[in-house]
Protein backbone atom coordinates (compact mmCIF):
# COMPACT_ATOMS: atom_id res chain seq x y z
CA MET A 1 0.00 0.00 0.00
CA GLU A 2 1.11 3.56 -0.67
CA LYS A 3 0.48 6.89 0.94
CA ARG A 4 -0.49 9.67 -1.50
CA ASP A 5 -0.70 13.44 -1.36
CA GLY A 6 -3.24 14.34 -4.06
CA THR A 7 -2.02 12.48 -7.14
CA ARG A 8 1.65 12.46 -6.13
CA ARG A 9 3.01 9.30 -4.66
CA ILE A 10 4.98 9.87 -1.48
CA GLU A 11 6.11 6.44 -0.34
CA LYS A 12 4.87 2.97 0.49
CA LEU A 13 2.94 2.66 3.72
CA PHE A 14 4.56 -0.73 4.28
CA ASN A 15 6.45 -3.34 2.28
CA PHE A 16 4.08 -6.02 1.06
CA ARG A 17 5.63 -9.40 1.86
CA PRO A 18 3.58 -11.96 -0.09
CA VAL A 19 4.68 -15.06 1.82
CA LEU A 20 4.12 -13.46 5.24
CA PHE A 21 0.69 -12.09 4.29
CA ALA A 22 -0.29 -15.41 2.70
CA ALA A 23 0.62 -17.15 5.97
CA LEU A 24 -1.42 -14.62 7.97
CA PHE A 25 -4.47 -15.14 5.76
CA LEU A 26 -4.00 -18.89 6.07
CA CYS A 27 -4.25 -18.35 9.85
CA LEU A 28 -7.37 -16.21 9.40
CA GLY A 29 -9.02 -18.98 7.38
CA ILE A 30 -8.23 -21.53 10.10
CA LEU A 31 -9.60 -19.18 12.77
CA PHE A 32 -12.78 -18.55 10.80
CA TYR A 33 -13.48 -22.27 10.45
CA PHE A 34 -12.84 -22.73 14.17
CA PHE A 35 -15.48 -20.12 15.03
CA TYR A 36 -17.80 -21.51 12.33
CA HIS A 37 -17.58 -25.15 13.48
CA PHE A 38 -16.97 -24.93 17.24
CA CYS A 39 -18.68 -21.63 18.11
CA GLY A 40 -21.56 -21.70 15.63
CA ILE A 41 -21.05 -18.34 13.93
CA SER A 42 -22.78 -17.86 10.57
CA ALA A 43 -20.89 -18.31 7.30
CA LEU A 44 -22.51 -15.03 6.19
CA TRP A 45 -19.71 -13.26 8.04
CA LEU A 46 -17.58 -14.17 5.02
CA LEU A 47 -19.33 -11.30 3.22
CA CYS A 48 -17.25 -8.95 5.37
CA LEU A 49 -14.28 -10.02 3.27
CA LEU A 50 -15.69 -8.24 0.20
CA PRO A 51 -15.08 -4.66 1.39
CA LEU A 52 -11.75 -5.79 2.85
CA ALA A 53 -10.77 -7.20 -0.57
CA GLY A 54 -11.89 -4.02 -2.32
CA LEU A 55 -10.06 -1.59 -0.02
CA PRO A 56 -6.59 -1.91 -1.65
CA PHE A 57 -8.00 -0.88 -5.05
CA PHE A 58 -8.64 2.65 -3.74
CA PHE A 59 -4.87 3.10 -3.68
CA CYS A 60 -4.43 2.12 -7.35
CA ARG A 61 -3.86 4.89 -9.85
CA THR A 62 -2.65 2.89 -12.82
CA ARG A 63 -3.82 -0.21 -14.65
CA GLU A 64 -0.55 -1.98 -13.85
CA LYS A 65 -0.96 -1.25 -10.14
CA ALA A 66 -4.59 -2.46 -10.24
CA TRP A 67 -3.49 -5.73 -11.91
CA LYS A 68 -0.81 -6.36 -9.27
CA THR A 69 -3.31 -5.56 -6.52
CA ALA A 70 -5.86 -7.97 -8.01
CA CYS A 71 -3.24 -10.75 -8.09
CA ALA A 72 -2.29 -10.04 -4.46
CA VAL A 73 -5.94 -10.04 -3.32
CA ALA A 74 -6.59 -13.30 -5.21
CA LEU A 75 -3.50 -14.88 -3.62
CA LEU A 76 -4.56 -13.88 -0.12
CA GLY A 77 -8.12 -15.06 -0.76
CA CYS A 78 -6.84 -18.45 -1.93
CA PHE A 79 -4.78 -18.89 1.23
CA PHE A 80 -7.73 -17.83 3.41
CA PHE A 81 -9.93 -20.55 1.91
CA LEU A 82 -7.02 -22.99 1.92
CA GLY A 83 -6.80 -22.53 5.71
CA PHE A 84 -10.59 -22.83 6.01
CA PHE A 85 -10.87 -26.08 4.03
CA SER A 86 -7.68 -27.70 5.37
CA PHE A 87 -8.92 -27.29 8.94
CA SER A 88 -12.38 -28.52 7.97
CA LEU A 89 -10.79 -31.65 6.45
CA GLN A 90 -8.71 -32.27 9.58
CA THR A 91 -11.78 -31.79 11.78
CA SER A 92 -14.03 -34.12 9.79
CA THR A 93 -11.30 -36.81 9.78
CA PHE A 94 -10.74 -36.49 13.53
CA PHE A 95 -14.41 -36.89 14.45
CA ASP A 96 -15.10 -39.75 12.03
CA CYS A 97 -14.79 -42.49 14.64
CA ASP A 98 -18.34 -43.23 15.82
CA ARG A 99 -18.34 -46.82 14.50
CA TRP A 100 -15.48 -47.79 16.83
CA LEU A 101 -17.04 -46.54 20.06
CA GLY A 102 -18.07 -49.03 22.74
CA GLU A 103 -16.57 -52.35 23.86
CA GLN A 104 -13.68 -53.25 21.56
CA TYR A 105 -10.51 -55.33 21.29
CA VAL A 106 -7.53 -53.15 20.31
CA THR A 107 -3.93 -53.82 19.31
CA GLY A 108 -1.22 -51.22 18.80
CA TYR A 109 2.29 -50.26 19.84
CA VAL A 110 3.34 -47.68 22.43
CA VAL A 111 4.76 -44.41 21.07
CA GLU A 112 4.40 -42.32 24.23
CA LYS A 113 4.10 -42.97 27.96
CA ARG A 114 3.07 -40.53 30.69
CA GLU A 115 2.82 -40.94 34.45
CA TYR A 116 -0.15 -39.50 36.38
CA GLY A 117 0.26 -40.76 39.93
CA SER A 118 -2.06 -43.74 40.29
CA ARG A 119 -2.55 -43.92 36.52
CA THR A 120 -0.25 -44.43 33.55
CA ALA A 121 -1.25 -43.12 30.14
CA VAL A 122 0.11 -44.81 27.02
CA VAL A 123 -0.45 -43.55 23.48
CA LEU A 124 -0.87 -46.30 20.89
CA ASP A 125 -0.22 -46.04 17.16
CA GLY A 126 -0.61 -48.63 14.38
CA LEU A 127 -4.10 -49.38 15.67
CA ARG A 128 -6.23 -52.39 14.85
CA ILE A 129 -9.73 -52.44 16.27
CA GLY A 130 -11.02 -55.95 15.88
CA LYS A 131 -9.63 -56.96 12.49
CA GLU A 132 -9.80 -53.46 10.97
CA ARG A 133 -6.74 -51.22 10.67
CA VAL A 134 -7.58 -47.72 11.93
CA SER A 135 -5.85 -44.42 11.28
CA GLY A 136 -5.06 -42.14 14.19
CA LYS A 137 -4.04 -42.93 17.75
CA LEU A 138 -5.57 -44.06 21.03
CA ILE A 139 -4.69 -43.03 24.57
CA ALA A 140 -5.21 -45.75 27.18
CA TYR A 141 -5.28 -44.95 30.92
CA LEU A 142 -3.99 -47.93 32.86
CA PRO A 143 -3.40 -48.63 36.57
CA ALA A 144 0.13 -47.59 37.52
CA SER A 145 0.93 -51.20 38.46
CA ASP A 146 0.24 -52.27 34.86
CA GLY A 147 2.11 -49.28 33.45
CA GLU A 148 5.33 -50.24 35.23
CA ASN A 149 5.74 -53.24 32.94
CA ILE A 150 5.06 -51.35 29.73
CA GLY A 151 7.65 -49.42 27.72
CA LEU A 152 8.03 -47.65 24.40
CA CYS A 153 7.73 -49.90 21.32
CA ASP A 154 5.77 -52.56 23.26
CA GLU A 155 2.92 -54.08 21.30
CA LEU A 156 -0.24 -54.20 23.41
CA PHE A 157 -3.49 -56.07 23.25
CA LEU A 158 -6.26 -54.54 25.33
CA HIS A 159 -9.96 -54.75 25.86
CA GLY A 160 -12.02 -51.79 26.98
CA LYS A 161 -14.81 -49.38 26.26
CA LEU A 162 -13.62 -46.85 23.71
CA GLY A 163 -14.75 -43.25 23.81
CA ALA A 164 -14.08 -40.28 21.54
CA THR A 165 -11.65 -37.61 22.65
CA THR A 166 -13.74 -34.69 23.87
CA VAL A 167 -12.94 -31.50 21.93
CA THR A 168 -14.91 -28.29 22.43
CA ALA A 169 -14.31 -24.59 21.88
CA GLU A 170 -13.68 -24.13 25.60
CA ASN A 171 -11.00 -26.80 25.93
CA PHE A 172 -9.54 -26.65 22.42
CA SER A 173 -6.31 -24.91 23.46
CA LEU A 174 -5.71 -27.76 25.93
CA THR A 175 -6.57 -30.54 23.49
CA ALA A 176 -5.04 -28.99 20.35
CA LYS A 177 -1.91 -31.16 20.59
CA SER A 178 -3.96 -34.37 20.87
CA PHE A 179 -6.15 -33.09 18.03
CA GLY A 180 -3.10 -32.46 15.85
CA ASP A 181 -1.52 -35.80 16.73
CA GLY A 182 -4.73 -37.60 15.80
CA VAL A 183 -5.41 -39.03 19.29
CA ARG A 184 -9.05 -39.65 18.47
CA LEU A 185 -9.92 -42.41 20.92
CA ARG A 186 -9.43 -43.08 24.62
CA THR A 187 -10.16 -45.81 27.11
CA TRP A 188 -9.72 -46.67 30.79
CA THR A 189 -8.87 -50.30 31.29
CA GLY A 190 -6.83 -52.77 33.31
CA ASP A 191 -7.35 -55.54 30.79
CA VAL A 192 -4.09 -55.15 28.88
CA TYR A 193 -1.34 -57.52 27.74
CA VAL A 194 2.11 -57.04 26.21
CA THR A 195 2.25 -59.28 23.12
CA GLY A 196 5.64 -58.37 21.68
CA LYS A 197 8.06 -55.64 20.72
CA ARG A 198 7.94 -53.52 17.62
CA PHE A 199 11.17 -52.17 16.17
CA ASP A 200 11.18 -48.42 15.62
CA LEU A 201 14.61 -46.96 14.92
CA PHE A 202 13.95 -43.61 16.58
CA LEU A 203 12.30 -45.11 19.65
CA PHE A 204 15.12 -47.66 19.89
CA LEU A 205 17.70 -44.85 19.86
CA ARG A 206 15.64 -42.92 22.42
CA LEU A 207 15.55 -45.92 24.77
CA ARG A 208 19.29 -46.49 24.39
CA VAL A 209 20.03 -42.85 25.21
CA GLU A 210 17.74 -42.84 28.24
CA GLU A 211 19.35 -46.07 29.50
CA ALA A 212 22.82 -44.50 29.26
CA ILE A 213 21.62 -41.36 31.08
CA ASP A 214 19.98 -43.38 33.88
CA LYS A 215 23.11 -45.49 34.36
CA GLY A 216 25.55 -42.59 34.26
CA MET A 217 23.82 -39.89 36.34
CA ASP A 218 22.01 -39.40 39.63
CA GLU A 219 18.22 -39.48 39.61
CA THR A 220 17.44 -35.74 39.49
CA PRO A 221 20.23 -34.70 37.07
CA ALA A 222 19.26 -37.66 34.84
CA ALA A 223 15.61 -36.53 34.80
CA VAL A 224 16.63 -32.97 33.97
CA THR A 225 18.98 -34.15 31.21
CA LYS A 226 16.21 -36.19 29.58
CA ALA A 227 13.90 -33.19 29.86
CA VAL A 228 16.43 -30.85 28.22
CA LEU A 229 17.31 -33.27 25.42
CA PHE A 230 13.88 -34.77 24.65
CA GLY A 231 11.25 -32.74 26.54
CA ASN A 232 10.31 -35.63 28.84
CA THR A 233 9.62 -34.06 32.26
CA ASP A 234 7.91 -37.07 33.90
CA GLY A 235 10.94 -37.91 36.05
CA ILE A 236 11.40 -34.44 37.56
CA ASP A 237 10.08 -33.95 41.09
CA GLU A 238 6.76 -32.08 40.93
CA GLY A 239 7.79 -29.41 43.45
CA LEU A 240 11.11 -28.77 41.69
CA TYR A 241 9.45 -28.55 38.30
CA GLU A 242 6.80 -26.12 39.58
CA ASN A 243 9.51 -23.88 41.07
CA ILE A 244 11.37 -23.91 37.73
CA ARG A 245 8.12 -22.97 36.00
CA ARG A 246 7.57 -20.12 38.43
CA GLY A 247 11.09 -18.96 37.65
CA GLY A 248 10.07 -18.59 34.02
CA ILE A 249 12.60 -20.98 32.45
CA ALA A 250 10.58 -24.19 32.11
CA HIS A 251 10.77 -23.65 28.35
CA ILE A 252 14.29 -25.13 28.45
CA PHE A 253 12.48 -28.46 28.88
CA ALA A 254 10.21 -27.83 25.87
CA VAL A 255 12.45 -28.94 23.03
CA SER A 256 12.00 -26.19 20.46
CA GLY A 257 13.86 -23.37 18.73
CA LEU A 258 16.47 -22.96 21.46
CA HIS A 259 17.62 -26.59 21.30
CA VAL A 260 17.34 -27.04 17.54
CA GLY A 261 18.99 -23.64 17.01
CA VAL A 262 21.99 -24.63 19.12
CA LEU A 263 22.26 -27.95 17.28
CA TYR A 264 21.93 -26.08 13.97
CA GLY A 265 24.76 -23.73 14.94
CA PHE A 266 26.94 -26.70 15.89
CA CYS A 267 26.18 -28.39 12.56
CA LEU A 268 27.05 -25.20 10.65
CA ALA A 269 30.39 -25.00 12.44
CA LEU A 270 30.95 -28.67 11.60
CA LEU A 271 30.11 -28.16 7.91
CA LYS A 272 32.69 -25.36 7.67
CA ARG A 273 35.47 -27.80 8.51
CA LYS A 274 37.79 -28.84 5.67
CA PRO A 275 36.46 -32.41 5.21
CA PHE A 276 32.96 -30.99 4.54
CA GLU A 277 33.84 -27.82 2.62
CA LYS A 278 34.50 -29.88 -0.53
CA LEU A 279 31.01 -31.37 -0.46
CA PRO A 280 28.57 -29.93 -3.02
CA LYS A 281 25.85 -27.66 -1.71
CA LEU A 282 23.22 -30.37 -2.05
CA GLY A 283 25.41 -32.80 -0.12
CA ARG A 284 25.85 -30.36 2.76
CA PHE A 285 22.12 -29.67 2.84
CA VAL A 286 21.34 -33.41 2.88
CA LEU A 287 23.83 -33.96 5.72
CA LEU A 288 22.34 -31.12 7.76
CA PHE A 289 18.84 -32.41 7.02
CA ALA A 290 19.82 -35.91 8.19
CA LEU A 291 21.26 -34.64 11.48
CA LEU A 292 18.29 -32.39 12.30
CA PHE A 293 15.80 -35.00 11.07
CA GLY A 294 17.45 -37.64 13.26
CA TYR A 295 17.20 -35.44 16.33
CA ALA A 296 13.57 -34.60 15.52
CA GLY A 297 12.83 -38.33 15.18
CA VAL A 298 14.37 -39.18 18.56
CA CYS A 299 12.22 -36.39 20.05
CA GLY A 300 9.15 -38.03 18.54
CA PHE A 301 8.71 -35.45 15.76
CA SER A 302 7.05 -33.11 18.22
CA ALA A 303 5.47 -30.06 16.59
CA SER A 304 7.89 -27.62 18.24
CA VAL A 305 10.95 -29.54 16.97
CA VAL A 306 9.49 -29.80 13.47
CA ARG A 307 8.78 -26.04 13.43
CA ALA A 308 12.31 -25.17 14.51
CA THR A 309 13.83 -27.68 12.07
CA VAL A 310 11.84 -26.20 9.19
CA ILE A 311 13.00 -22.66 10.02
CA CYS A 312 16.65 -23.78 10.22
CA LEU A 313 16.49 -25.68 6.95
CA ILE A 314 14.86 -22.73 5.19
CA SER A 315 17.57 -20.44 6.52
CA TYR A 316 20.36 -22.77 5.39
CA ALA A 317 18.81 -23.35 1.96
CA SER A 318 18.53 -19.57 1.50
CA SER A 319 22.22 -19.12 2.33
CA LEU A 320 23.26 -21.93 -0.06
CA LEU A 321 21.19 -20.45 -2.88
CA SER A 322 22.41 -16.91 -2.09
CA VAL A 323 18.82 -15.78 -1.66
CA ARG A 324 18.40 -12.45 0.07
CA LYS A 325 17.22 -13.26 3.57
CA ASP A 326 14.07 -11.68 4.91
CA PHE A 327 13.39 -12.93 8.41
CA LEU A 328 9.68 -12.11 8.25
CA GLU A 329 9.27 -13.93 4.92
CA SER A 330 11.16 -16.93 6.32
CA LEU A 331 8.83 -16.97 9.33
CA GLY A 332 5.83 -16.78 7.02
CA LEU A 333 7.09 -19.73 4.97
CA ALA A 334 7.80 -21.76 8.12
CA LEU A 335 4.33 -20.97 9.45
CA MET A 336 2.72 -22.20 6.23
CA ILE A 337 4.78 -25.41 6.20
CA VAL A 338 3.70 -26.11 9.79
CA LEU A 339 0.01 -25.25 9.37
CA LEU A 340 -0.82 -26.76 5.99
CA PRO A 341 -0.52 -30.41 7.12
CA THR A 342 -1.73 -29.70 10.68
CA PRO A 343 -3.93 -26.57 10.86
CA SER A 344 -4.79 -27.19 14.53
CA ALA A 345 -1.16 -26.40 15.44
CA LEU A 346 -2.23 -22.74 15.34
CA PHE A 347 -4.05 -23.30 18.65
CA GLU A 348 -1.19 -25.09 20.42
CA VAL A 349 0.43 -22.97 23.11
CA GLY A 350 3.88 -24.18 22.08
CA CYS A 351 3.35 -23.08 18.48
CA GLN A 352 1.99 -19.72 19.55
CA LEU A 353 4.92 -19.08 21.91
CA SER A 354 7.51 -20.18 19.34
CA PHE A 355 6.27 -17.90 16.59
CA ALA A 356 5.46 -15.06 19.00
CA ALA A 357 9.08 -15.11 20.20
CA CYS A 358 10.36 -15.12 16.60
CA PHE A 359 8.04 -12.30 15.53
CA GLY A 360 9.00 -10.36 18.66
CA ILE A 361 12.67 -10.59 17.69
CA ALA A 362 11.85 -9.63 14.09
CA PHE A 363 9.86 -6.55 15.11
CA LEU A 364 11.46 -5.30 18.32
CA SER A 365 15.09 -6.40 18.56
CA LYS A 366 16.27 -3.58 16.27
CA PRO A 367 14.39 -0.74 18.08
CA ILE A 368 15.49 -2.06 21.49
CA GLY A 369 19.04 -2.38 20.16
CA GLN A 370 18.88 1.27 19.10
CA VAL A 371 17.99 2.22 22.67
CA PHE A 372 21.11 0.42 23.90
CA ASP A 373 23.15 2.27 21.23
CA GLU A 374 21.81 5.62 22.45
CA LEU A 375 22.67 4.70 26.02
CA GLN A 376 26.21 3.89 24.93
CA LYS A 377 26.46 7.26 23.14
CA LEU A 378 25.27 9.08 26.25
CA TYR A 379 27.83 7.20 28.31
CA ARG A 380 30.62 8.11 25.87
CA LYS A 381 29.49 11.71 25.89
CA ARG A 382 29.64 11.80 29.67
CA PHE A 383 32.83 9.72 29.92
CA PRO A 384 34.89 10.23 26.74
CA ARG A 385 37.26 7.49 25.69
CA GLN A 386 40.88 8.14 26.62
CA LEU A 387 42.84 7.96 23.36
CA THR A 388 46.46 7.03 22.88
CA ARG A 389 48.77 8.96 20.56
CA GLU A 390 48.45 6.28 17.84
CA GLN A 391 44.66 6.41 18.07
CA ARG A 392 44.66 10.19 17.66
CA LYS A 393 46.76 9.80 14.55
CA LEU A 394 44.28 7.31 13.13
CA ILE A 395 41.41 9.74 13.75
CA LYS A 396 43.27 12.56 12.02
CA LYS A 397 43.73 10.31 8.96
CA GLY A 398 39.97 9.71 8.92
CA ASP A 399 40.19 6.08 9.99
CA THR A 400 37.71 4.43 12.34
CA LEU A 401 38.98 3.24 15.68
CA PRO A 402 38.57 -0.49 16.37
CA LEU A 403 36.15 -1.39 19.13
CA SER A 404 37.65 -1.85 22.56
CA VAL A 405 37.15 -5.05 24.54
CA GLY A 406 34.55 -3.31 26.70
CA GLU A 407 32.65 -2.02 23.65
CA ARG A 408 32.61 -5.46 22.03
CA ALA A 409 31.36 -6.99 25.27
CA TYR A 410 28.69 -4.28 25.59
CA ARG A 411 27.47 -4.92 22.03
CA ALA A 412 27.29 -8.67 22.61
CA VAL A 413 25.32 -8.20 25.84
CA ALA A 414 23.07 -5.57 24.23
CA SER A 415 22.35 -7.89 21.29
CA PHE A 416 21.43 -10.76 23.62
CA LEU A 417 19.26 -8.55 25.84
CA SER A 418 17.51 -7.01 22.82
CA ALA A 419 16.55 -10.44 21.48
CA SER A 420 15.57 -11.80 24.91
CA LEU A 421 13.52 -8.75 25.89
CA SER A 422 11.73 -8.54 22.53
CA ALA A 423 10.84 -12.26 22.70
CA GLN A 424 9.51 -11.93 26.24
CA ILE A 425 7.44 -8.84 25.36
CA PHE A 426 5.65 -10.79 22.62
CA THR A 427 5.23 -14.01 24.63
CA ALA A 428 4.18 -12.47 27.98
CA PRO A 429 0.42 -12.10 27.26
CA LEU A 430 0.26 -15.61 25.79
CA MET A 431 1.97 -16.98 28.90
CA LEU A 432 -0.53 -15.12 31.07
CA GLN A 433 -3.47 -16.42 29.05
CA ALA A 434 -2.25 -20.03 28.86
CA PHE A 435 -0.72 -20.55 32.31
CA GLY A 436 -2.33 -17.80 34.41
CA TYR A 437 0.92 -16.05 35.37
CA VAL A 438 4.07 -14.35 34.06
CA SER A 439 7.17 -14.83 36.17
CA GLY A 440 8.82 -11.70 37.51
CA TRP A 441 12.09 -13.62 37.69
CA GLY A 442 11.91 -14.66 34.06
CA MET A 443 14.13 -11.96 32.56
CA LEU A 444 16.93 -12.42 35.10
CA LEU A 445 16.90 -16.23 35.09
CA ASN A 446 16.64 -16.40 31.30
CA CYS A 447 19.69 -14.15 31.01
CA LEU A 448 21.55 -16.59 33.26
CA PHE A 449 20.30 -19.95 32.01
CA ILE A 450 19.76 -19.45 28.27
CA PRO A 451 23.48 -18.81 27.58
CA LEU A 452 24.39 -21.71 29.88
CA VAL A 453 21.98 -24.14 28.22
CA SER A 454 23.08 -22.93 24.78
CA ALA A 455 26.73 -23.48 25.68
CA LEU A 456 26.14 -26.88 27.31
CA PHE A 457 23.55 -28.40 24.99
CA SER A 458 25.82 -29.52 22.13
CA ALA A 459 28.48 -30.81 24.54
CA LEU A 460 25.82 -32.65 26.55
CA LEU A 461 24.39 -34.22 23.40
CA LEU A 462 27.86 -35.34 22.25
CA LEU A 463 28.68 -36.88 25.63
CA VAL A 464 25.36 -38.72 25.73
CA VAL A 465 25.91 -40.08 22.21
CA LEU A 466 29.41 -41.20 23.23
CA ALA A 467 27.98 -42.92 26.32
CA CYS A 468 25.56 -44.80 24.06
CA LEU A 469 28.27 -45.97 21.67
CA LEU A 470 30.59 -47.28 24.37
CA PRO A 471 29.76 -50.11 26.82
CA ILE A 472 27.17 -48.97 29.35
CA GLY A 473 29.68 -49.28 32.22
CA PHE A 474 31.55 -46.20 30.94
CA ALA A 475 28.42 -43.99 31.18
CA SER A 476 29.11 -42.85 34.76
CA VAL A 477 32.61 -41.72 33.78
CA ILE A 478 31.58 -39.96 30.57
CA LEU A 479 28.59 -38.23 32.17
CA TYR A 480 30.31 -37.33 35.46
CA LEU A 481 30.80 -33.67 34.50
CA PRO A 482 27.20 -33.08 33.27
CA ASN A 483 25.96 -34.78 36.44
CA ALA A 484 28.01 -32.41 38.61
CA VAL A 485 27.00 -29.31 36.60
CA TRP A 486 23.26 -30.08 36.81
CA SER A 487 23.50 -30.86 40.52
CA LEU A 488 25.10 -27.47 41.09
CA LEU A 489 22.63 -25.52 38.94
CA LEU A 490 19.59 -27.20 40.47
CA LEU A 491 20.65 -26.12 43.96
CA LEU A 492 19.30 -22.66 43.06
CA PHE A 493 15.78 -24.03 42.56
CA GLN A 494 15.99 -26.47 45.45
CA THR A 495 16.84 -23.72 47.96
CA LEU A 496 14.97 -20.61 46.68
CA ASP A 497 11.25 -20.06 46.11
CA PHE A 498 10.48 -18.26 42.81
CA SER A 499 6.71 -18.14 43.21
CA SER A 500 6.75 -14.91 45.22
CA PHE A 501 7.19 -12.47 42.34
CA ALA A 502 4.78 -12.95 39.45
CA VAL A 503 1.98 -11.26 37.53
CA GLN A 504 -1.04 -13.52 37.85
CA GLY A 505 -4.81 -13.65 38.14
CA LEU A 506 -5.46 -11.34 35.16
CA THR A 507 -7.96 -12.01 32.38
CA LEU A 508 -7.14 -11.24 28.75
CA SER A 509 -9.44 -10.87 25.76
CA ALA A 510 -8.83 -11.09 22.01
CA GLY A 511 -9.30 -7.33 21.71
CA ALA A 512 -6.72 -6.66 24.42
CA LEU A 513 -4.21 -8.93 22.66
CA VAL A 514 -4.74 -7.16 19.32
CA ALA A 515 -4.27 -3.73 20.92
CA TYR A 516 -1.17 -4.91 22.78
CA TYR A 517 0.59 -6.34 19.73
CA PHE A 518 -0.29 -3.47 17.39
CA GLY A 519 0.93 -1.04 20.02
CA TRP A 520 4.38 -2.65 19.92
CA ILE A 521 4.37 -3.05 16.13
CA PHE A 522 3.69 0.66 15.65
CA CYS A 523 6.79 1.31 17.79
CA THR A 524 8.90 -0.21 15.00
CA ASP A 525 9.92 1.07 11.57
CA LYS A 526 7.72 -1.40 9.66
CA PHE A 527 5.24 1.36 8.77
CA ASN A 528 6.36 4.49 6.92
CA LEU A 529 4.42 6.96 9.04
CA LYS A 530 5.25 10.32 10.50
CA LYS A 531 6.69 9.97 13.98
CA SER A 532 3.94 12.05 15.53
CA PHE A 533 1.28 9.87 13.91
CA SER A 534 3.10 6.68 14.93
CA TYR A 535 3.31 7.90 18.52
CA ALA A 536 -0.42 8.70 18.43
CA LEU A 537 -1.24 5.18 17.19
CA VAL A 538 1.00 3.66 19.86
CA GLY A 539 -0.76 5.73 22.51
CA VAL A 540 -4.22 4.76 21.25
CA CYS A 541 -3.35 1.03 21.17
CA PHE A 542 -1.85 0.95 24.64
CA LEU A 543 -4.68 3.08 26.03
CA ALA A 544 -7.20 0.63 24.53
CA PHE A 545 -5.23 -2.23 26.04
CA ALA A 546 -5.19 -0.56 29.48
CA ILE A 547 -8.92 0.27 29.39
CA THR A 548 -9.79 -3.30 28.32
CA MET A 549 -7.65 -4.80 31.08
CA VAL A 550 -9.21 -2.55 33.71
CA ALA A 551 -12.72 -3.40 32.48
CA LEU A 552 -11.98 -7.13 32.56
CA ASN A 553 -10.15 -7.31 35.88
CA VAL A 554 -11.50 -4.58 38.17
């Protein structure tokens, strides 16, 4: 879109990014079908799209511009309906299970196991109900005594009364993961038998790794290591885990962009070594794909790992093809790749937090970084740098002085803080809405633990792999250092209570979220507006957010 003064074009209001806008309209189509199917709104609301589609044509002054606008509107409309129909197809497939309800005999193999006190939940794939092969998965709740003898890859035969997974508009955010994974059926039974073992390469590797960790580390460090590497938090003491959550760093146990990003950085460093530099571009991409795909498989191809893997592969492919990188376009492409096969991922808290953090960095890291630059300039103005004779000579010649050690350190810290703060600004309302609180300790603890986890993750993964390759008796020696490091770090959460300082008990609405995010977006340079007008829009958005919050919570 362009701003105009009379008939004279001034400048574009914003840069139209086709992939990003297509992804956003894909999301709008998914949202519309959700409200249509689960909330019962009328399809006649689609007529509101007509004036929205016609609005851009008011900015067209030439036939060429009108043609380009028509193509863009058609593209966005196609992606809107693509989101609508893809989610409708997923929904109709998920609920098409009435003929299997009731007393049934079921066989399948275990792909996931969860502990719930007196109950153990196992997720079965490869289902056969009676003699019929069935798509999707089943979750079976068993007595804990039965669950003790069941592991991953075990083939089970069970008898029980099958019910459909309950999915409503009210609980959809909680059941979105099960919806996306196709866990359509559930049963409570104690009539279960292990009939064999099914070989699954990724589950086999996962079991081998967990065995090495259990043999080589103490109970709590072993549980934390498995949580960091694979996202399995079942073994962590409930009180310890809750305190870590209240500290705002439980996301280190949700295998996602942080973990895959660190592994991606390690792989890039590895591919720059001489033995790999001679490989063709396609060979290097295939090798990177195999490493990231293998890790995603061991993690069970969880949605968060797949999302992060897709973003990393897109980034690497762009660099190999010398394509000009646009972070927002890359995010849009990753969002489409994630949502097209599984539209319900849009409602998963993990997906929302992952992309909110990425969009926060894309929008706010630069403006926040500029604030740090201004602070540095003010400091230098108040405390000028003491120059040596050689440095004065360089300045007289018109050369630029190299950065001092302190300035390089300041820039590194400022860059990290800009990214961390921008990500937390965009994820804070989602955290409040999903979990009911936002930790006041989050910023401080994230600044401490994120660099530590990033530095330790690749080394930890290498040591665990080494412990798996060697005889299991060497595991305690190889994993001695990680065991000691985790024991030391966990002392902080075992001795201090982080639940005392948090924002909690507030209610958010969709309107408040829209006002909040647009308020921050207008703070950036993504819109070519006069500063006074931008400031006015920022003020209006944050005022609307404040008024809405007061109305909802007072």
